[in-house]
Protein backbone atom coordinates (compact mmCIF):
# COMPACT_ATOMS: atom_id res chain seq x y z
CA MET A 1 109.34 103.26 116.78
CA THR A 2 109.40 99.62 119.09
CA GLY A 3 112.43 97.70 118.52
CA LYS A 4 111.01 95.02 116.51
CA LEU A 5 109.18 97.18 114.37
CA ARG A 6 113.25 99.11 113.82
CA TRP A 7 114.89 95.34 113.31
CA ILE A 8 111.87 94.72 110.75
CA ALA A 9 112.74 98.05 109.11
CA TYR A 10 116.56 98.50 108.93
CA ALA A 11 118.40 95.53 111.10
CA THR A 12 117.32 92.82 108.09
CA THR A 13 118.48 91.62 105.25
CA VAL A 14 115.19 91.60 102.65
CA SER A 15 115.69 89.96 99.40
CA SER A 16 111.71 89.60 98.63
CA SER A 17 108.47 91.50 98.23
CA LEU A 18 105.23 91.48 97.79
CA ILE A 19 104.37 94.21 94.98
CA VAL A 20 100.38 95.78 95.89
CA ASN A 21 98.12 98.19 94.70
CA ASP A 22 97.13 101.33 95.05
CA GLY A 23 93.89 100.39 97.24
CA ALA A 24 96.11 98.74 99.88
CA ARG A 25 98.79 100.71 100.31
CA GLU A 26 96.30 103.30 101.49
CA ALA A 27 94.39 101.21 103.43
CA LEU A 28 97.75 99.73 105.25
CA VAL A 29 99.37 103.53 105.74
CA LYS A 30 96.15 105.28 105.95
CA ARG A 31 93.73 103.42 107.67
CA LYS A 32 96.26 101.27 109.85
CA ALA A 33 95.10 98.29 108.06
CA SER A 34 96.68 94.42 108.16
CA LEU A 35 98.13 93.57 104.45
CA LEU A 36 95.72 90.96 102.38
CA ALA A 37 96.26 88.83 99.97
CA ALA A 38 93.42 90.98 98.00
CA GLY A 39 95.84 93.74 97.93
CA VAL A 40 98.57 91.83 96.30
CA THR A 41 99.12 91.78 93.12
CA LYS A 42 102.54 90.30 92.58
CA VAL A 43 105.21 87.50 94.37
CA GLN A 44 108.69 88.03 93.67
CA GLY A 45 111.10 85.89 94.96
CA GLN A 46 110.87 82.95 97.65
CA PHE A 47 110.39 83.08 101.54
CA GLU A 48 109.24 81.20 104.00
CA ARG A 49 106.51 81.87 106.75
CA GLY A 50 107.96 84.01 109.35
CA ASP A 51 110.27 85.84 107.00
CA VAL A 52 110.53 89.82 106.65
CA VAL A 53 109.99 90.46 103.21
CA SER A 54 109.63 94.71 101.19
CA ILE A 55 106.51 95.59 100.85
CA VAL A 56 106.22 97.79 97.73
CA ASP A 57 103.35 99.86 95.57
CA SER A 58 102.62 99.71 92.21
CA SER A 59 105.03 102.51 91.11
CA GLY A 60 107.75 100.06 92.24
CA LYS A 61 108.71 101.97 95.45
CA GLU A 62 109.42 100.32 98.97
CA PHE A 63 107.63 101.58 101.77
CA ALA A 64 107.47 99.18 104.54
CA ARG A 65 108.57 95.65 105.52
CA GLY A 66 106.95 93.32 107.13
CA ILE A 67 106.65 89.77 108.69
CA VAL A 68 104.94 87.67 106.46
CA ASN A 69 102.38 84.80 108.00
CA TYR A 70 102.21 82.58 104.78
CA SER A 71 105.48 81.41 102.50
CA SER A 72 106.10 83.37 98.73
CA THR A 73 104.50 79.87 97.62
CA GLU A 74 101.34 80.10 99.07
CA ALA A 75 101.78 83.97 98.69
CA GLN A 76 100.97 82.75 94.86
CA ARG A 77 98.39 81.06 95.44
CA ILE A 78 95.74 83.38 97.18
CA SER A 79 97.87 86.99 96.37
CA GLY A 80 94.52 89.18 94.57
CA GLN A 81 92.60 86.30 96.75
CA HIS A 82 89.85 87.78 99.15
CA SER A 83 89.86 86.03 102.47
CA GLU A 84 87.25 83.56 102.39
CA VAL A 85 89.03 81.28 100.11
CA ILE A 86 92.37 81.09 101.81
CA ASP A 87 91.08 78.10 103.31
CA GLU A 88 90.32 76.12 100.09
CA MET A 89 93.50 76.85 99.25
CA ILE A 90 95.67 76.90 101.57
CA GLU A 91 96.86 73.31 103.65
CA GLN A 92 97.63 75.04 107.08
CA ARG A 93 95.80 78.73 107.12
CA ASN A 94 97.14 81.30 110.28
CA TYR A 95 95.79 84.21 109.50
CA ASP A 96 93.41 86.21 107.34
CA ALA A 97 96.44 88.31 106.54
CA LEU A 98 99.93 88.03 104.47
CA VAL A 99 101.29 90.76 106.89
CA THR A 100 99.29 91.73 109.75
CA ARG A 101 99.11 94.75 111.49
CA ASN A 102 101.38 94.73 114.26
CA ASN A 103 104.11 93.16 111.83
CA ILE A 104 104.39 95.63 109.64
CA ALA A 105 107.37 98.69 109.92
CA PHE A 106 106.60 101.34 107.64
CA LEU A 107 109.79 102.98 105.51
CA ASP A 108 108.05 106.75 104.83
CA THR A 109 104.58 107.52 104.30
C-alpha cells in the first residue's frame, strides 16, 4: 500500500460514509472500478470535496475509504443516478465518479 493509500485507510479521522449496493462493492473490489453515483444508496454525514469518507456495503460493513470528489450535499443529489445526468444536477461537475479508483484504499477484500 502506497503512502497516500495508507494515509487514506489509517491516518485519517472519518465521520461520514457512502453506503453502496452489492454491484458497486463487487465493481470496486473485483473489477478495480471507481465509485460511481449509480452505486451509492445512501450518504451519511457531512463532508466537502476532498474529504475522506468510509465506503460501506449494504450489510453495514466498512470495506474501504476514499477521497470524495463531491460534497455531501452534491453526493445526496446525484446518488443512484447515472453519470450522464450529473451535468444537469451539479453546477461545478469535476468527475463522473464520486471516488476515483486511485483515491480508494481497501481495508479488506
